[in-house]
Protein backbone atom coordinates (compact mmCIF):
# COMPACT_ATOMS: atom_id res chain seq x y z
CA MET A 1 -11.88 18.23 -1.42
CA SER A 2 -12.09 19.96 -4.55
CA GLU A 3 -9.42 20.95 -7.36
CA ALA A 4 -9.92 24.89 -5.99
CA GLN A 5 -9.10 23.56 -2.30
CA THR A 6 -6.23 22.07 -3.34
CA LYS A 7 -2.81 23.83 -4.29
CA VAL A 8 0.14 22.05 -5.57
CA ILE A 9 3.60 22.54 -4.85
CA LYS A 10 6.80 21.14 -5.60
CA THR A 11 9.38 19.55 -3.65
CA ASP A 12 13.29 19.59 -3.96
CA SER A 13 14.16 16.18 -3.54
CA GLN A 14 11.49 14.17 -6.04
CA MET A 15 10.12 16.93 -7.95
CA ASN A 16 7.00 15.39 -7.78
CA THR A 17 3.90 17.63 -7.09
CA LYS A 18 2.43 17.03 -3.52
CA PRO A 19 -1.28 18.69 -2.66
CA LEU A 20 -0.62 20.66 0.55
CA ARG A 21 -3.24 19.28 3.64
CA VAL A 22 -6.75 21.28 3.96
CA GLU A 23 -8.57 21.37 7.30
CA ASN A 24 -11.24 23.54 8.13
CA GLY A 25 -10.98 25.78 4.83
CA ALA A 26 -7.24 26.03 5.85
CA GLU A 27 -3.72 25.02 4.66
CA LYS A 28 -1.34 23.36 5.96
CA PRO A 29 2.31 22.32 4.64
CA PRO A 30 3.49 18.61 4.67
CA SER A 31 5.18 18.14 8.44
CA LEU A 32 8.61 17.83 9.07
CA ARG A 33 8.19 14.30 9.65
CA SER A 34 7.05 13.54 6.62
CA LEU A 35 9.66 15.61 4.83
CA ARG A 36 12.29 13.58 6.50
CA VAL A 37 11.34 10.31 5.58
CA GLU A 38 10.51 11.75 2.04
CA ALA A 39 13.99 12.88 1.69
CA GLU A 40 15.38 9.50 3.94
CA ILE A 41 13.83 7.28 1.35
CA TYR A 42 14.67 9.59 -1.52
CA ALA A 43 18.48 9.36 -0.25
CA ILE A 44 18.47 5.51 0.07
CA SER A 45 16.88 4.97 -3.21
CA ARG A 46 19.19 6.95 -4.98
CA THR A 47 22.42 5.96 -3.17
CA LEU A 48 21.03 2.03 -4.04
CA GLU A 49 20.38 2.92 -7.37
CA TYR A 50 24.04 3.68 -7.95
CA THR A 51 25.47 1.06 -6.34
CA GLY A 52 23.77 -1.39 -8.26
CA TRP A 53 22.00 -2.30 -4.84
CA ASN A 54 25.34 -3.16 -3.05
CA ARG A 55 23.80 -2.94 0.37
CA ARG A 56 27.29 -2.31 2.36
CA ARG A 57 28.69 0.25 -0.17
CA ALA A 58 25.53 2.07 0.17
CA ALA A 59 25.59 2.13 3.93
CA GLN A 60 29.40 3.13 3.57
CA LEU A 61 28.32 6.17 1.41
CA LEU A 62 25.34 7.01 3.52
CA SER A 63 27.60 7.09 6.45
CA ILE A 64 25.05 4.45 8.16
CA SER A 65 25.42 0.57 9.44
CA TYR A 66 24.79 -1.97 7.27
CA ARG A 67 22.43 -3.21 9.54
CA GLY A 68 20.66 0.20 9.70
CA ILE A 69 20.35 0.45 6.11
CA LEU A 70 18.82 -3.10 6.05
CA TYR A 71 16.32 -1.93 8.67
CA LYS A 72 15.13 1.18 6.54
CA ILE A 73 14.97 -0.85 3.54
CA ARG A 74 12.26 -2.85 4.86
CA GLN A 75 10.92 0.09 6.89
CA HIS A 76 10.18 1.55 3.85
CA ASN A 77 9.47 -1.14 1.68
CA LEU A 78 11.92 -0.68 -1.01
CA SER A 79 12.77 -2.59 -3.85
CA PRO A 80 15.08 -2.88 -7.33
CA ARG A 81 13.14 -1.67 -10.06
CA PRO A 82 12.85 -4.15 -12.71
CA ARG A 83 15.78 -4.36 -15.23
CA GLU A 84 14.75 -3.25 -18.68
CA GLN A 85 15.78 -5.91 -21.25
CA GLU A 86 18.62 -4.65 -23.11
CA GLN A 87 19.66 -6.19 -26.77
CA GLY A 88 22.83 -7.81 -26.70
CA VAL A 89 25.22 -7.18 -29.91
CA GLY A 90 24.10 -10.50 -31.53
CA GLN A 91 20.41 -9.49 -31.25
CA ILE A 92 20.82 -6.07 -32.95
CA LEU A 93 22.98 -7.75 -35.74
CA LYS A 94 20.48 -10.64 -36.26
CA ALA A 95 18.05 -8.41 -36.59
CA ASP A 96 19.60 -6.25 -38.85
CA SER A 97 20.17 -9.39 -41.25
CA GLN A 98 16.74 -10.11 -41.42
CA SER A 99 15.60 -6.74 -42.11
């Protein structure tokens, strides 16, 4: 598939660029199922981040059962992002005093 055959569209849910599928020279939009799955992943991921990965609270906010959210997390292979190292006040002051 060449660049001339691929068009790029933006999805509202994640604002990522997604190429349209090209079959026999005709462009086909993403399927409803793929869009639903993408929206589901986005909603669950954002809610888990918002709650600090408190799955019970996230399930409550999404109006689904706790077992339901556990199933979706496994189904979509979701995992928390690694936390960036945060500098404590002591480390900042120590670094400033060495300068």
